């Protein structure tokens, strides 16, 4: 149980770092939009980042447990594989979600 929590915590910390970077880039990227559209885009991306942190950290702990049990790997071997895979999927989801947010809110500047 403690190992699962450690995997989840590491994933959450890495996702928080990624989320801070993601939001800073969106802050710069919404420079040309009006205040109301820029606020809607940033707020939507913030919700997307928060959801991705929660889902990624929960999924990484669960997947590390499953991988270690099914393949009989030690947790120190399963954890990095799962963390990298979950982070990769999270980046793809953040990118696709951001494109969807721009399609919804950002038709005109």
C-alpha atoms as a PDB file:
ATOM      1  CA  UNK A   1       0.000   0.000   0.000  1.00  0.00           C
ATOM      2  CA  UNK A   2       2.802   2.445   0.857  1.00  0.00           C
ATOM      3  CA  UNK A   3       4.570   1.722  -2.422  1.00  0.00           C
ATOM      4  CA  UNK A   4       1.397   2.462  -4.342  1.00  0.00           C
ATOM      5  CA  UNK A   5       1.035   5.789  -2.560  1.00  0.00           C
ATOM      6  CA  UNK A   6       4.646   6.672  -3.345  1.00  0.00           C
ATOM      7  CA  UNK A   7       4.077   5.958  -7.052  1.00  0.00           C
ATOM      8  CA  UNK A   8       0.930   8.099  -6.972  1.00  0.00           C
ATOM      9  CA  UNK A   9       2.735  10.908  -5.155  1.00  0.00           C
ATOM     10  CA  UNK A  10       5.640  10.930  -7.616  1.00  0.00           C
ATOM     11  CA  UNK A  11       3.208  11.025 -10.519  1.00  0.00           C
ATOM     12  CA  UNK A  12       1.230  13.827  -8.884  1.00  0.00           C
ATOM     13  CA  UNK A  13       4.382  15.892  -8.319  1.00  0.00           C
ATOM     14  CA  UNK A  14       5.512  15.433 -11.907  1.00  0.00           C
ATOM     15  CA  UNK A  15       2.040  16.284 -13.169  1.00  0.00           C
ATOM     16  CA  UNK A  16       1.959  19.421 -11.013  1.00  0.00           C
ATOM     17  CA  UNK A  17       5.251  20.531 -12.561  1.00  0.00           C
ATOM     18  CA  UNK A  18       3.893  19.783 -16.026  1.00  0.00           C
ATOM     19  CA  UNK A  19       0.659  21.617 -15.169  1.00  0.00           C
ATOM     20  CA  UNK A  20       2.497  24.735 -14.025  1.00  0.00           C
ATOM     21  CA  UNK A  21       4.509  24.767 -17.256  1.00  0.00           C
ATOM     22  CA  UNK A  22       1.352  24.088 -19.294  1.00  0.00           C
ATOM     23  CA  UNK A  23      -0.524  26.971 -17.683  1.00  0.00           C
ATOM     24  CA  UNK A  24       2.395  29.377 -18.107  1.00  0.00           C
ATOM     25  CA  UNK A  25       2.526  28.548 -21.807  1.00  0.00           C
ATOM     26  CA  UNK A  26      -1.224  29.099 -22.101  1.00  0.00           C
ATOM     27  CA  UNK A  27      -0.916  32.399 -20.265  1.00  0.00           C
ATOM     28  CA  UNK A  28       1.514  33.544 -22.934  1.00  0.00           C
ATOM     29  CA  UNK A  29      -0.532  31.907 -25.696  1.00  0.00           C
ATOM     30  CA  UNK A  30      -3.758  33.733 -24.834  1.00  0.00           C
ATOM     31  CA  UNK A  31      -2.097  37.128 -25.125  1.00  0.00           C
ATOM     32  CA  UNK A  32      -4.019  38.198 -28.245  1.00  0.00           C
ATOM     33  CA  UNK A  33      -7.457  37.107 -27.067  1.00  0.00           C
ATOM     34  CA  UNK A  34     -10.007  39.390 -25.449  1.00  0.00           C
ATOM     35  CA  UNK A  35     -10.205  39.317 -21.686  1.00  0.00           C
ATOM     36  CA  UNK A  36     -13.390  37.254 -21.558  1.00  0.00           C
ATOM     37  CA  UNK A  37     -12.198  34.653 -24.088  1.00  0.00           C
ATOM     38  CA  UNK A  38      -8.729  34.470 -22.579  1.00  0.00           C
ATOM     39  CA  UNK A  39     -10.196  33.955 -19.135  1.00  0.00           C
ATOM     40  CA  UNK A  40     -12.493  31.195 -20.401  1.00  0.00           C
ATOM     41  CA  UNK A  41      -9.590  29.459 -22.173  1.00  0.00           C
ATOM     42  CA  UNK A  42      -7.315  29.681 -19.118  1.00  0.00           C
ATOM     43  CA  UNK A  43     -10.035  28.537 -16.715  1.00  0.00           C
ATOM     44  CA  UNK A  44     -10.902  25.579 -18.921  1.00  0.00           C
ATOM     45  CA  UNK A  45      -7.258  24.596 -19.226  1.00  0.00           C
ATOM     46  CA  UNK A  46      -6.860  24.878 -15.449  1.00  0.00           C
ATOM     47  CA  UNK A  47      -9.778  22.493 -14.929  1.00  0.00           C
ATOM     48  CA  UNK A  48      -8.233  20.139 -17.491  1.00  0.00           C
ATOM     49  CA  UNK A  49      -4.864  20.250 -15.705  1.00  0.00           C
ATOM     50  CA  UNK A  50      -6.405  19.627 -12.273  1.00  0.00           C
ATOM     51  CA  UNK A  51      -8.434  16.680 -13.575  1.00  0.00           C
ATOM     52  CA  UNK A  52      -5.375  15.232 -15.289  1.00  0.00           C
ATOM     53  CA  UNK A  53      -3.365  15.461 -12.057  1.00  0.00           C
ATOM     54  CA  UNK A  54      -6.041  13.645 -10.081  1.00  0.00           C
ATOM     55  CA  UNK A  55      -6.706  10.937 -12.677  1.00  0.00           C
ATOM     56  CA  UNK A  56      -3.020  10.394 -13.473  1.00  0.00           C
ATOM     57  CA  UNK A  57      -1.959  10.008  -9.866  1.00  0.00           C
ATOM     58  CA  UNK A  58      -4.775   7.577  -9.097  1.00  0.00           C
ATOM     59  CA  UNK A  59      -4.200   5.592 -12.292  1.00  0.00           C
ATOM     60  CA  UNK A  60      -0.450   5.321 -11.800  1.00  0.00           C
ATOM     61  CA  UNK A  61      -0.746   3.738  -8.374  1.00  0.00           C
ATOM     62  CA  UNK A  62      -3.384   1.294  -9.532  1.00  0.00           C
ATOM     63  CA  UNK A  63      -1.509   0.399 -12.739  1.00  0.00           C
ATOM     64  CA  UNK A  64       1.795  -0.064 -10.917  1.00  0.00           C
ATOM     65  CA  UNK A  65       0.093  -2.471  -8.534  1.00  0.00           C
ATOM     66  CA  UNK A  66      -1.471  -4.407 -11.410  1.00  0.00           C
ATOM     67  CA  UNK A  67       1.753  -4.548 -13.442  1.00  0.00           C
ATOM     68  CA  UNK A  68       3.770  -5.715 -10.473  1.00  0.00           C
ATOM     69  CA  UNK A  69       1.212  -8.408  -9.644  1.00  0.00           C
ATOM     70  CA  UNK A  70       0.611  -9.692 -13.165  1.00  0.00           C
ATOM     71  CA  UNK A  71       4.191  -9.748 -14.384  1.00  0.00           C
ATOM     72  CA  UNK A  72       5.628 -10.474 -10.954  1.00  0.00           C
ATOM     73  CA  UNK A  73       7.913  -7.481 -11.235  1.00  0.00           C
ATOM     74  CA  UNK A  74       9.242  -5.717  -8.163  1.00  0.00           C
ATOM     75  CA  UNK A  75       7.641  -2.333  -7.584  1.00  0.00           C
ATOM     76  CA  UNK A  76      10.918  -0.503  -8.256  1.00  0.00           C
ATOM     77  CA  UNK A  77      10.850  -1.910 -11.809  1.00  0.00           C
ATOM     78  CA  UNK A  78       7.136  -1.431 -12.463  1.00  0.00           C
ATOM     79  CA  UNK A  79       6.897   2.098 -11.075  1.00  0.00           C
ATOM     80  CA  UNK A  80       9.096   3.951 -13.613  1.00  0.00           C
ATOM     81  CA  UNK A  81       7.438   2.183 -16.540  1.00  0.00           C
ATOM     82  CA  UNK A  82       3.981   3.083 -15.309  1.00  0.00           C
ATOM     83  CA  UNK A  83       4.894   6.655 -14.396  1.00  0.00           C
ATOM     84  CA  UNK A  84       6.376   7.340 -17.831  1.00  0.00           C
ATOM     85  CA  UNK A  85       3.425   5.717 -19.596  1.00  0.00           C
ATOM     86  CA  UNK A  86       0.880   7.658 -17.557  1.00  0.00           C
ATOM     87  CA  UNK A  87       2.745  10.931 -18.101  1.00  0.00           C
ATOM     88  CA  UNK A  88       2.858  10.264 -21.836  1.00  0.00           C
ATOM     89  CA  UNK A  89      -0.870   9.625 -21.985  1.00  0.00           C
ATOM     90  CA  UNK A  90      -1.535  12.707 -19.836  1.00  0.00           C
ATOM     91  CA  UNK A  91       0.452  14.949 -22.195  1.00  0.00           C
ATOM     92  CA  UNK A  92      -1.515  13.622 -25.165  1.00  0.00           C
ATOM     93  CA  UNK A  93      -4.817  14.168 -23.336  1.00  0.00           C
ATOM     94  CA  UNK A  94      -3.786  17.697 -22.296  1.00  0.00           C
ATOM     95  CA  UNK A  95      -2.837  18.539 -25.875  1.00  0.00           C
ATOM     96  CA  UNK A  96      -6.051  17.120 -27.347  1.00  0.00           C
ATOM     97  CA  UNK A  97      -8.160  18.760 -24.645  1.00  0.00           C
ATOM     98  CA  UNK A  98      -6.482  22.111 -25.253  1.00  0.00           C
ATOM     99  CA  UNK A  99      -7.201  21.844 -28.965  1.00  0.00           C
ATOM    100  CA  UNK A 100     -10.831  21.146 -28.131  1.00  0.00           C
ATOM    101  CA  UNK A 101     -10.944  24.153 -25.772  1.00  0.00           C
ATOM    102  CA  UNK A 102      -9.523  26.404 -28.483  1.00  0.00           C
ATOM    103  CA  UNK A 103     -12.067  25.025 -30.957  1.00  0.00           C
ATOM    104  CA  UNK A 104     -14.877  25.869 -28.519  1.00  0.00           C
ATOM    105  CA  UNK A 105     -13.794  29.279 -27.176  1.00  0.00           C
ATOM    106  CA  UNK A 106     -11.171  30.623 -29.519  1.00  0.00           C
ATOM    107  CA  UNK A 107     -12.915  31.028 -32.857  1.00  0.00           C
ATOM    108  CA  UNK A 108     -11.942  34.709 -33.044  1.00  0.00           C
ATOM    109  CA  UNK A 109      -9.482  36.756 -31.109  1.00  0.00           C
END
